[in-house]
């Protein structure tokens, strides 16, 4: 009987997912001659019309033939637009009557940095070059220095303890401002720290393979293989994979009180998520 109930539960879950998928597909524009499951959209960064398969829409691969934007980048602009313009997702080139507030990015990609610089009072910042910003220990001039802080796929690279970065970002943002955040995320309750005792480490390369050599605080030597890099070696080493629940707890502990998860699709602008985890979050 227990197995039967489990089977029925799984069938119900699968049916629920199928129904949700059909609802998403039914919201797509109807036109003759278009392959089923193909999303036709206008990039909200450059305006280029594109077509992409919903089934294989990746998070971080270029899927706009105009500017080369990714799903994550279009989703960032969509979430920011909804926040600034009363829930409306508007193409970037049509942004008008923008509130006179100060924006900062944390190592934003050139595409995002260049696009936002043309529309907003915006400055991109970096950890390793000017203009400098260390979110784990902001200086006196960085405190309350912006209304909106954009941190997209950065926190998975910050050395532990990562709570320092959340605390620092809250201090950088003015009291009435907000944080626009993305990180690779999953549905578990606990963030996975790939190197829980990380202290004094280096990346060692031998025969084309890279390993992390770490000396713990008590002097023990650890070696880790099968490293994950985002976009290349060095600074882009993935140190952790966040759990959504844990991520929200970090934000609350830092002093953010409102958390909005932008998992809803924006078909018009090429935004569709297969799960509700690695999506834009706005915390205020």
C-alpha atoms as a PDB file:
ATOM      1  CA  UNK A   1       0.000   0.000   0.000  1.00  0.00           C
ATOM      2  CA  UNK A   2       2.861   2.370   0.887  1.00  0.00           C
ATOM      3  CA  UNK A   3       4.504   1.804  -2.510  1.00  0.00           C
ATOM      4  CA  UNK A   4       1.184   2.364  -4.247  1.00  0.00           C
ATOM      5  CA  UNK A   5       0.707   5.696  -2.483  1.00  0.00           C
ATOM      6  CA  UNK A   6       4.255   6.700  -3.371  1.00  0.00           C
ATOM      7  CA  UNK A   7       3.621   5.855  -7.032  1.00  0.00           C
ATOM      8  CA  UNK A   8       0.383   7.858  -7.032  1.00  0.00           C
ATOM      9  CA  UNK A   9       2.210  10.823  -5.475  1.00  0.00           C
ATOM     10  CA  UNK A  10       4.896  10.701  -8.156  1.00  0.00           C
ATOM     11  CA  UNK A  11       2.288  10.535 -10.915  1.00  0.00           C
ATOM     12  CA  UNK A  12       0.447  13.498  -9.407  1.00  0.00           C
ATOM     13  CA  UNK A  13       3.698  15.474  -9.196  1.00  0.00           C
ATOM     14  CA  UNK A  14       4.571  14.718 -12.812  1.00  0.00           C
ATOM     15  CA  UNK A  15       1.089  15.678 -13.975  1.00  0.00           C
ATOM     16  CA  UNK A  16       1.377  18.947 -12.072  1.00  0.00           C
ATOM     17  CA  UNK A  17       4.651  19.731 -13.815  1.00  0.00           C
ATOM     18  CA  UNK A  18       3.184  18.891 -17.224  1.00  0.00           C
ATOM     19  CA  UNK A  19       0.179  21.135 -16.584  1.00  0.00           C
ATOM     20  CA  UNK A  20       2.480  23.978 -15.523  1.00  0.00           C
ATOM     21  CA  UNK A  21       4.561  23.538 -18.669  1.00  0.00           C
ATOM     22  CA  UNK A  22       1.435  23.590 -20.853  1.00  0.00           C
ATOM     23  CA  UNK A  23       0.290  26.786 -19.176  1.00  0.00           C
ATOM     24  CA  UNK A  24       3.623  28.421 -19.991  1.00  0.00           C
ATOM     25  CA  UNK A  25       3.449  27.253 -23.599  1.00  0.00           C
ATOM     26  CA  UNK A  26      -0.134  28.434 -23.997  1.00  0.00           C
ATOM     27  CA  UNK A  27       0.978  31.964 -23.146  1.00  0.00           C
ATOM     28  CA  UNK A  28       3.341  32.095 -26.119  1.00  0.00           C
ATOM     29  CA  UNK A  29       2.360  34.145 -29.193  1.00  0.00           C
ATOM     30  CA  UNK A  30       0.476  32.038 -31.725  1.00  0.00           C
ATOM     31  CA  UNK A  31       1.702  32.155 -35.306  1.00  0.00           C
ATOM     32  CA  UNK A  32       1.634  29.769 -38.245  1.00  0.00           C
ATOM     33  CA  UNK A  33       4.836  28.174 -39.432  1.00  0.00           C
ATOM     34  CA  UNK A  34       6.563  28.273 -36.038  1.00  0.00           C
ATOM     35  CA  UNK A  35       7.963  25.082 -34.574  1.00  0.00           C
ATOM     36  CA  UNK A  36       6.227  23.908 -31.378  1.00  0.00           C
ATOM     37  CA  UNK A  37       8.161  24.875 -28.273  1.00  0.00           C
ATOM     38  CA  UNK A  38      10.012  27.722 -30.015  1.00  0.00           C
ATOM     39  CA  UNK A  39      10.080  31.018 -28.163  1.00  0.00           C
ATOM     40  CA  UNK A  40      10.122  34.101 -30.369  1.00  0.00           C
ATOM     41  CA  UNK A  41      11.201  37.138 -28.399  1.00  0.00           C
ATOM     42  CA  UNK A  42      12.700  40.624 -28.577  1.00  0.00           C
ATOM     43  CA  UNK A  43      15.867  41.046 -26.515  1.00  0.00           C
ATOM     44  CA  UNK A  44      15.205  43.656 -23.834  1.00  0.00           C
ATOM     45  CA  UNK A  45      18.830  44.837 -24.023  1.00  0.00           C
ATOM     46  CA  UNK A  46      19.391  45.389 -27.762  1.00  0.00           C
ATOM     47  CA  UNK A  47      15.889  44.916 -29.235  1.00  0.00           C
ATOM     48  CA  UNK A  48      16.912  42.157 -31.677  1.00  0.00           C
ATOM     49  CA  UNK A  49      14.201  39.619 -32.557  1.00  0.00           C
ATOM     50  CA  UNK A  50      15.260  36.045 -31.827  1.00  0.00           C
ATOM     51  CA  UNK A  51      13.969  32.480 -31.689  1.00  0.00           C
ATOM     52  CA  UNK A  52      15.106  29.828 -29.220  1.00  0.00           C
ATOM     53  CA  UNK A  53      13.913  26.403 -28.118  1.00  0.00           C
ATOM     54  CA  UNK A  54      12.221  26.514 -24.713  1.00  0.00           C
ATOM     55  CA  UNK A  55      13.332  22.972 -23.965  1.00  0.00           C
ATOM     56  CA  UNK A  56      17.022  23.835 -24.277  1.00  0.00           C
ATOM     57  CA  UNK A  57      17.089  27.503 -23.177  1.00  0.00           C
ATOM     58  CA  UNK A  58      20.330  27.668 -21.134  1.00  0.00           C
ATOM     59  CA  UNK A  59      20.951  30.091 -18.266  1.00  0.00           C
ATOM     60  CA  UNK A  60      24.400  31.343 -19.240  1.00  0.00           C
ATOM     61  CA  UNK A  61      24.880  30.715 -22.940  1.00  0.00           C
ATOM     62  CA  UNK A  62      24.475  33.513 -25.466  1.00  0.00           C
ATOM     63  CA  UNK A  63      21.040  33.244 -27.042  1.00  0.00           C
ATOM     64  CA  UNK A  64      20.589  36.702 -28.615  1.00  0.00           C
ATOM     65  CA  UNK A  65      21.973  37.067 -32.132  1.00  0.00           C
ATOM     66  CA  UNK A  66      22.252  40.827 -31.648  1.00  0.00           C
ATOM     67  CA  UNK A  67      24.120  41.614 -28.427  1.00  0.00           C
ATOM     68  CA  UNK A  68      24.831  38.055 -27.318  1.00  0.00           C
ATOM     69  CA  UNK A  69      22.786  38.342 -24.128  1.00  0.00           C
ATOM     70  CA  UNK A  70      22.072  35.309 -21.978  1.00  0.00           C
ATOM     71  CA  UNK A  71      18.877  34.281 -20.212  1.00  0.00           C
ATOM     72  CA  UNK A  72      20.390  35.468 -16.908  1.00  0.00           C
ATOM     73  CA  UNK A  73      21.249  38.903 -18.304  1.00  0.00           C
ATOM     74  CA  UNK A  74      17.811  39.442 -19.849  1.00  0.00           C
ATOM     75  CA  UNK A  75      16.227  38.271 -16.599  1.00  0.00           C
ATOM     76  CA  UNK A  76      18.284  40.836 -14.654  1.00  0.00           C
ATOM     77  CA  UNK A  77      17.032  43.654 -16.875  1.00  0.00           C
ATOM     78  CA  UNK A  78      13.467  42.322 -16.683  1.00  0.00           C
ATOM     79  CA  UNK A  79      13.541  42.168 -12.872  1.00  0.00           C
ATOM     80  CA  UNK A  80      15.091  45.628 -12.609  1.00  0.00           C
ATOM     81  CA  UNK A  81      12.455  47.039 -14.978  1.00  0.00           C
ATOM     82  CA  UNK A  82       9.615  45.489 -12.967  1.00  0.00           C
ATOM     83  CA  UNK A  83      11.053  47.010  -9.793  1.00  0.00           C
ATOM     84  CA  UNK A  84      11.534  50.488 -11.262  1.00  0.00           C
ATOM     85  CA  UNK A  85       8.378  50.724 -13.384  1.00  0.00           C
ATOM     86  CA  UNK A  86       5.506  49.366 -11.282  1.00  0.00           C
ATOM     87  CA  UNK A  87       5.765  45.743 -12.378  1.00  0.00           C
ATOM     88  CA  UNK A  88       6.237  46.445 -16.106  1.00  0.00           C
ATOM     89  CA  UNK A  89       8.949  44.706 -18.095  1.00  0.00           C
ATOM     90  CA  UNK A  90      10.135  47.269 -20.644  1.00  0.00           C
ATOM     91  CA  UNK A  91      12.882  47.153 -23.266  1.00  0.00           C
ATOM     92  CA  UNK A  92      15.944  49.014 -22.027  1.00  0.00           C
ATOM     93  CA  UNK A  93      15.910  51.515 -24.891  1.00  0.00           C
ATOM     94  CA  UNK A  94      12.381  52.586 -23.897  1.00  0.00           C
ATOM     95  CA  UNK A  95      13.225  53.364 -20.260  1.00  0.00           C
ATOM     96  CA  UNK A  96      12.083  56.913 -19.469  1.00  0.00           C
ATOM     97  CA  UNK A  97      11.246  58.847 -16.307  1.00  0.00           C
ATOM     98  CA  UNK A  98      13.840  56.811 -14.437  1.00  0.00           C
ATOM     99  CA  UNK A  99      14.068  57.654 -10.725  1.00  0.00           C
ATOM    100  CA  UNK A 100      17.135  59.768  -9.901  1.00  0.00           C
ATOM    101  CA  UNK A 101      18.908  57.130  -7.849  1.00  0.00           C
ATOM    102  CA  UNK A 102      22.462  55.835  -7.761  1.00  0.00           C
ATOM    103  CA  UNK A 103      23.322  52.366  -9.125  1.00  0.00           C
ATOM    104  CA  UNK A 104      26.444  50.271  -8.600  1.00  0.00           C
ATOM    105  CA  UNK A 105      27.473  46.978 -10.170  1.00  0.00           C
ATOM    106  CA  UNK A 106      29.851  44.379  -8.770  1.00  0.00           C
ATOM    107  CA  UNK A 107      32.032  43.139 -11.651  1.00  0.00           C
ATOM    108  CA  UNK A 108      29.104  43.284 -14.066  1.00  0.00           C
ATOM    109  CA  UNK A 109      29.728  41.936 -17.558  1.00  0.00           C
ATOM    110  CA  UNK A 110      30.563  44.557 -20.192  1.00  0.00           C
ATOM    111  CA  UNK A 111      27.200  44.052 -21.895  1.00  0.00           C
ATOM    112  CA  UNK A 112      25.260  44.922 -18.734  1.00  0.00           C
ATOM    113  CA  UNK A 113      27.681  47.653 -17.653  1.00  0.00           C
ATOM    114  CA  UNK A 114      27.651  49.430 -21.016  1.00  0.00           C
ATOM    115  CA  UNK A 115      23.879  49.151 -21.410  1.00  0.00           C
ATOM    116  CA  UNK A 116      23.045  50.445 -17.933  1.00  0.00           C
ATOM    117  CA  UNK A 117      25.614  53.259 -18.151  1.00  0.00           C
ATOM    118  CA  UNK A 118      23.664  54.745 -21.056  1.00  0.00           C
ATOM    119  CA  UNK A 119      20.411  54.889 -19.079  1.00  0.00           C
ATOM    120  CA  UNK A 120      21.255  55.209 -15.386  1.00  0.00           C
ATOM    121  CA  UNK A 121      23.500  56.945 -12.892  1.00  0.00           C
ATOM    122  CA  UNK A 122      25.550  53.755 -12.803  1.00  0.00           C
ATOM    123  CA  UNK A 123      29.096  52.746 -11.911  1.00  0.00           C
ATOM    124  CA  UNK A 124      30.612  49.303 -12.264  1.00  0.00           C
ATOM    125  CA  UNK A 125      33.102  48.287  -9.564  1.00  0.00           C
ATOM    126  CA  UNK A 126      35.728  45.581  -9.125  1.00  0.00           C
ATOM    127  CA  UNK A 127      37.650  43.713  -6.443  1.00  0.00           C
ATOM    128  CA  UNK A 128      40.950  43.620  -8.378  1.00  0.00           C
ATOM    129  CA  UNK A 129      41.026  46.958 -10.230  1.00  0.00           C
ATOM    130  CA  UNK A 130      39.686  50.503 -10.028  1.00  0.00           C
ATOM    131  CA  UNK A 131      37.048  51.521  -9.220  1.00  0.00           C
ATOM    132  CA  UNK A 132      37.534  49.196  -6.232  1.00  0.00           C
ATOM    133  CA  UNK A 133      34.803  47.758  -4.023  1.00  0.00           C
ATOM    134  CA  UNK A 134      35.344  44.988  -1.483  1.00  0.00           C
ATOM    135  CA  UNK A 135      31.888  43.819  -0.404  1.00  0.00           C
ATOM    136  CA  UNK A 136      33.393  41.735   2.414  1.00  0.00           C
ATOM    137  CA  UNK A 137      34.908  44.828   4.023  1.00  0.00           C
ATOM    138  CA  UNK A 138      33.623  48.080   2.478  1.00  0.00           C
ATOM    139  CA  UNK A 139      35.547  51.237   3.284  1.00  0.00           C
ATOM    140  CA  UNK A 140      34.080  54.350   4.898  1.00  0.00           C
ATOM    141  CA  UNK A 141      33.440  56.026   1.530  1.00  0.00           C
ATOM    142  CA  UNK A 142      31.527  52.956   0.308  1.00  0.00           C
ATOM    143  CA  UNK A 143      28.973  52.974   3.126  1.00  0.00           C
ATOM    144  CA  UNK A 144      25.481  54.052   1.982  1.00  0.00           C
ATOM    145  CA  UNK A 145      27.014  54.958  -1.382  1.00  0.00           C
ATOM    146  CA  UNK A 146      24.236  53.689  -3.671  1.00  0.00           C
ATOM    147  CA  UNK A 147      20.507  53.072  -3.834  1.00  0.00           C
ATOM    148  CA  UNK A 148      20.722  49.925  -5.953  1.00  0.00           C
ATOM    149  CA  UNK A 149      23.504  47.339  -5.903  1.00  0.00           C
ATOM    150  CA  UNK A 150      23.684  44.689  -8.637  1.00  0.00           C
ATOM    151  CA  UNK A 151      25.514  41.478  -7.719  1.00  0.00           C
ATOM    152  CA  UNK A 152      25.176  38.855 -10.450  1.00  0.00           C
ATOM    153  CA  UNK A 153      26.910  35.488 -10.021  1.00  0.00           C
ATOM    154  CA  UNK A 154      29.639  36.818  -7.723  1.00  0.00           C
ATOM    155  CA  UNK A 155      28.923  35.374  -4.280  1.00  0.00           C
ATOM    156  CA  UNK A 156      29.769  31.799  -5.257  1.00  0.00           C
ATOM    157  CA  UNK A 157      33.372  32.999  -5.715  1.00  0.00           C
ATOM    158  CA  UNK A 158      33.768  34.906  -2.412  1.00  0.00           C
ATOM    159  CA  UNK A 159      36.111  33.344   0.157  1.00  0.00           C
ATOM    160  CA  UNK A 160      34.404  32.091   3.336  1.00  0.00           C
ATOM    161  CA  UNK A 161      32.751  33.064   5.547  1.00  0.00           C
ATOM    162  CA  UNK A 162      30.379  34.327   2.853  1.00  0.00           C
ATOM    163  CA  UNK A 163      28.086  36.076   5.366  1.00  0.00           C
ATOM    164  CA  UNK A 164      30.637  38.924   5.388  1.00  0.00           C
ATOM    165  CA  UNK A 165      29.657  39.727   1.794  1.00  0.00           C
ATOM    166  CA  UNK A 166      25.941  39.897   2.596  1.00  0.00           C
ATOM    167  CA  UNK A 167      26.645  42.132   5.604  1.00  0.00           C
ATOM    168  CA  UNK A 168      28.890  44.363   3.499  1.00  0.00           C
ATOM    169  CA  UNK A 169      26.343  44.761   0.714  1.00  0.00           C
ATOM    170  CA  UNK A 170      23.648  45.802   3.191  1.00  0.00           C
ATOM    171  CA  UNK A 171      26.011  48.536   4.470  1.00  0.00           C
ATOM    172  CA  UNK A 172      26.774  49.768   0.949  1.00  0.00           C
ATOM    173  CA  UNK A 173      23.075  50.167   0.069  1.00  0.00           C
ATOM    174  CA  UNK A 174      21.179  53.145   1.465  1.00  0.00           C
ATOM    175  CA  UNK A 175      18.326  52.323   3.873  1.00  0.00           C
ATOM    176  CA  UNK A 176      15.575  52.682   1.243  1.00  0.00           C
ATOM    177  CA  UNK A 177      17.527  50.967  -1.535  1.00  0.00           C
ATOM    178  CA  UNK A 178      17.671  47.366  -2.739  1.00  0.00           C
ATOM    179  CA  UNK A 179      19.972  44.580  -3.883  1.00  0.00           C
ATOM    180  CA  UNK A 180      19.513  42.841  -7.249  1.00  0.00           C
ATOM    181  CA  UNK A 181      21.130  39.441  -6.900  1.00  0.00           C
ATOM    182  CA  UNK A 182      21.714  36.204  -8.802  1.00  0.00           C
ATOM    183  CA  UNK A 183      23.700  33.112  -7.814  1.00  0.00           C
ATOM    184  CA  UNK A 184      23.697  29.494  -8.994  1.00  0.00           C
ATOM    185  CA  UNK A 185      21.178  27.917  -6.632  1.00  0.00           C
ATOM    186  CA  UNK A 186      19.207  24.744  -5.884  1.00  0.00           C
ATOM    187  CA  UNK A 187      16.214  23.621  -3.834  1.00  0.00           C
ATOM    188  CA  UNK A 188      18.043  22.043  -0.893  1.00  0.00           C
ATOM    189  CA  UNK A 189      18.137  23.573   2.588  1.00  0.00           C
ATOM    190  CA  UNK A 190      21.918  23.707   2.921  1.00  0.00           C
ATOM    191  CA  UNK A 191      24.522  25.468   0.789  1.00  0.00           C
ATOM    192  CA  UNK A 192      27.274  23.147  -0.427  1.00  0.00           C
ATOM    193  CA  UNK A 193      30.707  24.500   0.460  1.00  0.00           C
ATOM    194  CA  UNK A 194      33.164  22.788  -1.881  1.00  0.00           C
ATOM    195  CA  UNK A 195      36.116  23.606   0.406  1.00  0.00           C
ATOM    196  CA  UNK A 196      34.721  23.958   3.954  1.00  0.00           C
ATOM    197  CA  UNK A 197      38.152  24.481   5.586  1.00  0.00           C
ATOM    198  CA  UNK A 198      39.458  26.942   2.999  1.00  0.00           C
ATOM    199  CA  UNK A 199      42.194  29.135   4.446  1.00  0.00           C
ATOM    200  CA  UNK A 200      45.531  29.529   2.634  1.00  0.00           C
ATOM    201  CA  UNK A 201      45.182  28.048  -0.834  1.00  0.00           C
ATOM    202  CA  UNK A 202      46.590  28.058  -4.340  1.00  0.00           C
ATOM    203  CA  UNK A 203      45.633  26.569  -7.688  1.00  0.00           C
ATOM    204  CA  UNK A 204      48.192  24.049  -8.956  1.00  0.00           C
ATOM    205  CA  UNK A 205      48.249  23.056 -12.627  1.00  0.00           C
ATOM    206  CA  UNK A 206      49.918  19.880 -13.874  1.00  0.00           C
ATOM    207  CA  UNK A 207      49.512  18.154 -17.254  1.00  0.00           C
ATOM    208  CA  UNK A 208      46.584  20.405 -18.102  1.00  0.00           C
ATOM    209  CA  UNK A 209      44.715  19.590 -14.889  1.00  0.00           C
ATOM    210  CA  UNK A 210      44.089  22.017 -12.055  1.00  0.00           C
ATOM    211  CA  UNK A 211      43.945  21.185  -8.363  1.00  0.00           C
ATOM    212  CA  UNK A 212      43.353  23.281  -5.277  1.00  0.00           C
ATOM    213  CA  UNK A 213      45.971  22.939  -2.537  1.00  0.00           C
ATOM    214  CA  UNK A 214      44.754  24.272   0.810  1.00  0.00           C
ATOM    215  CA  UNK A 215      46.527  24.684   4.154  1.00  0.00           C
ATOM    216  CA  UNK A 216      43.883  24.703   6.905  1.00  0.00           C
ATOM    217  CA  UNK A 217      44.126  26.881  10.013  1.00  0.00           C
ATOM    218  CA  UNK A 218      45.565  23.946  11.963  1.00  0.00           C
ATOM    219  CA  UNK A 219      48.229  23.327   9.318  1.00  0.00           C
ATOM    220  CA  UNK A 220      46.669  20.346   7.556  1.00  0.00           C
ATOM    221  CA  UNK A 221      47.237  20.109   3.786  1.00  0.00           C
ATOM    222  CA  UNK A 222      44.223  19.310   1.593  1.00  0.00           C
ATOM    223  CA  UNK A 223      44.054  18.683  -2.160  1.00  0.00           C
ATOM    224  CA  UNK A 224      40.894  18.957  -4.266  1.00  0.00           C
ATOM    225  CA  UNK A 225      40.499  17.912  -7.898  1.00  0.00           C
ATOM    226  CA  UNK A 226      37.560  18.236 -10.328  1.00  0.00           C
ATOM    227  CA  UNK A 227      37.343  21.982  -9.762  1.00  0.00           C
ATOM    228  CA  UNK A 228      34.515  24.051 -11.255  1.00  0.00           C
ATOM    229  CA  UNK A 229      35.432  27.302 -13.005  1.00  0.00           C
ATOM    230  CA  UNK A 230      33.010  29.889 -14.350  1.00  0.00           C
ATOM    231  CA  UNK A 231      34.389  31.410 -17.532  1.00  0.00           C
ATOM    232  CA  UNK A 232      38.000  30.488 -16.820  1.00  0.00           C
ATOM    233  CA  UNK A 233      40.540  29.722 -14.080  1.00  0.00           C
ATOM    234  CA  UNK A 234      41.656  31.802 -11.114  1.00  0.00           C
ATOM    235  CA  UNK A 235      39.192  34.318  -9.743  1.00  0.00           C
ATOM    236  CA  UNK A 236      36.218  32.451 -11.215  1.00  0.00           C
ATOM    237  CA  UNK A 237      36.656  29.278  -9.173  1.00  0.00           C
ATOM    238  CA  UNK A 238      33.304  28.154  -7.760  1.00  0.00           C
ATOM    239  CA  UNK A 239      33.663  27.858  -3.981  1.00  0.00           C
ATOM    240  CA  UNK A 240      30.060  26.947  -3.189  1.00  0.00           C
ATOM    241  CA  UNK A 241      26.644  26.157  -4.626  1.00  0.00           C
ATOM    242  CA  UNK A 242      23.885  27.978  -2.779  1.00  0.00           C
ATOM    243  CA  UNK A 243      20.630  26.546  -1.535  1.00  0.00           C
ATOM    244  CA  UNK A 244      17.713  28.964  -1.979  1.00  0.00           C
ATOM    245  CA  UNK A 245      16.602  28.612   1.650  1.00  0.00           C
ATOM    246  CA  UNK A 246      20.136  29.234   2.922  1.00  0.00           C
ATOM    247  CA  UNK A 247      20.529  32.208   0.580  1.00  0.00           C
ATOM    248  CA  UNK A 248      17.391  33.813   1.996  1.00  0.00           C
ATOM    249  CA  UNK A 249      18.702  33.258   5.538  1.00  0.00           C
ATOM    250  CA  UNK A 250      21.960  35.045   4.659  1.00  0.00           C
ATOM    251  CA  UNK A 251      19.964  38.021   3.381  1.00  0.00           C
ATOM    252  CA  UNK A 252      17.748  38.162   6.474  1.00  0.00           C
ATOM    253  CA  UNK A 253      20.745  37.920   8.787  1.00  0.00           C
ATOM    254  CA  UNK A 254      22.380  40.839   6.963  1.00  0.00           C
ATOM    255  CA  UNK A 255      19.359  43.039   7.685  1.00  0.00           C
ATOM    256  CA  UNK A 256      17.294  42.743   4.499  1.00  0.00           C
ATOM    257  CA  UNK A 257      13.612  42.352   5.417  1.00  0.00           C
ATOM    258  CA  UNK A 258      11.860  41.852   2.065  1.00  0.00           C
ATOM    259  CA  UNK A 259      12.893  39.204  -0.480  1.00  0.00           C
ATOM    260  CA  UNK A 260      11.312  38.967  -3.949  1.00  0.00           C
ATOM    261  CA  UNK A 261      12.116  35.961  -6.163  1.00  0.00           C
ATOM    262  CA  UNK A 262      11.651  36.713  -9.878  1.00  0.00           C
ATOM    263  CA  UNK A 263      10.954  33.238 -11.244  1.00  0.00           C
ATOM    264  CA  UNK A 264       7.985  34.203 -13.425  1.00  0.00           C
ATOM    265  CA  UNK A 265       8.523  33.973 -17.207  1.00  0.00           C
ATOM    266  CA  UNK A 266       8.835  37.063 -19.387  1.00  0.00           C
ATOM    267  CA  UNK A 267       8.230  35.423 -22.755  1.00  0.00           C
ATOM    268  CA  UNK A 268       8.247  38.726 -24.637  1.00  0.00           C
ATOM    269  CA  UNK A 269      11.898  39.251 -23.699  1.00  0.00           C
ATOM    270  CA  UNK A 270      13.230  35.693 -23.790  1.00  0.00           C
ATOM    271  CA  UNK A 271      13.019  34.892 -20.084  1.00  0.00           C
ATOM    272  CA  UNK A 272      11.824  31.405 -19.113  1.00  0.00           C
ATOM    273  CA  UNK A 273      13.075  29.291 -16.218  1.00  0.00           C
ATOM    274  CA  UNK A 274      12.912  25.511 -15.950  1.00  0.00           C
ATOM    275  CA  UNK A 275      13.106  25.834 -12.155  1.00  0.00           C
ATOM    276  CA  UNK A 276      12.640  28.610  -9.598  1.00  0.00           C
ATOM    277  CA  UNK A 277      16.108  28.626  -8.043  1.00  0.00           C
ATOM    278  CA  UNK A 278      18.964  30.296  -9.973  1.00  0.00           C
ATOM    279  CA  UNK A 279      16.813  33.338 -10.753  1.00  0.00           C
ATOM    280  CA  UNK A 280      17.024  37.063  -9.959  1.00  0.00           C
ATOM    281  CA  UNK A 281      16.238  38.068  -6.375  1.00  0.00           C
ATOM    282  CA  UNK A 282      15.577  41.574  -5.125  1.00  0.00           C
ATOM    283  CA  UNK A 283      16.187  42.157  -1.404  1.00  0.00           C
ATOM    284  CA  UNK A 284      15.412  45.386   0.413  1.00  0.00           C
END
